[in-house]
Amino acid sequence: VNWSNNPKVIIGKEIGNQALKNKSTTEQRKNAREKLAKSVFNQNFYEK
């Protein structure tokens, strides 16, 4: 498995890097993850 090309890893890395850069609180990091998840994965993501 090539983790450098995995979109979930790339998204997680971006979130982590931003949190470190901004010295985000736990709540801010949680909100950022939720906001990003909503924008990347639509409501019908798991439906066939």
Protein backbone atom coordinates (compact mmCIF):
# COMPACT_ATOMS: atom_id res chain seq x y z
CA VAL A 1 0.00 0.00 0.00
CA ASN A 2 1.31 3.41 -0.95
CA TRP A 3 0.12 5.68 1.84
CA SER A 4 1.45 8.83 0.19
CA ASN A 5 -1.27 8.59 -2.48
CA ASN A 6 -4.13 7.73 -0.11
CA PRO A 7 -6.63 10.65 -0.08
CA LYS A 8 -7.62 9.99 3.55
CA VAL A 9 -3.99 10.18 4.63
CA ILE A 10 -3.45 13.38 2.67
CA ILE A 11 -6.56 14.99 4.21
CA GLY A 12 -5.53 13.91 7.70
CA LYS A 13 -2.04 15.24 7.19
CA GLU A 14 -3.42 18.62 6.08
CA ILE A 15 -5.66 18.80 9.16
CA GLY A 16 -2.78 17.89 11.47
CA ASN A 17 -0.37 20.35 9.89
CA GLN A 18 -2.90 23.19 10.12
CA ALA A 19 -3.64 22.35 13.76
CA LEU A 20 0.06 22.42 14.64
CA LYS A 21 0.62 25.63 12.70
CA ASN A 22 -2.35 27.40 14.29
CA LYS A 23 -1.90 25.81 17.74
CA SER A 24 -5.57 24.83 17.59
CA THR A 25 -7.53 23.66 20.62
CA THR A 26 -9.14 20.23 20.73
CA GLU A 27 -12.54 21.72 19.94
CA GLN A 28 -11.18 23.69 16.98
CA ARG A 29 -9.56 20.54 15.56
CA LYS A 30 -12.82 18.61 15.95
CA ASN A 31 -14.77 21.34 14.15
CA ALA A 32 -12.21 21.43 11.33
CA ARG A 33 -12.51 17.65 10.84
CA GLU A 34 -16.31 17.79 10.78
CA LYS A 35 -16.38 20.71 8.35
CA LEU A 36 -13.90 19.03 6.02
CA ALA A 37 -15.76 15.71 6.15
CA LYS A 38 -18.99 17.43 5.14
CA SER A 39 -17.33 19.22 2.23
CA VAL A 40 -15.44 16.16 0.94
CA PHE A 41 -18.00 13.42 1.56
CA ASN A 42 -21.57 14.25 0.62
CA GLN A 43 -24.63 12.88 2.42
CA ASN A 44 -25.08 10.01 -0.08
CA PHE A 45 -21.53 8.72 0.33
CA TYR A 46 -22.55 5.31 1.71
CA GLU A 47 -25.72 4.84 -0.34
CA LYS A 48 -25.71 2.68 -3.45
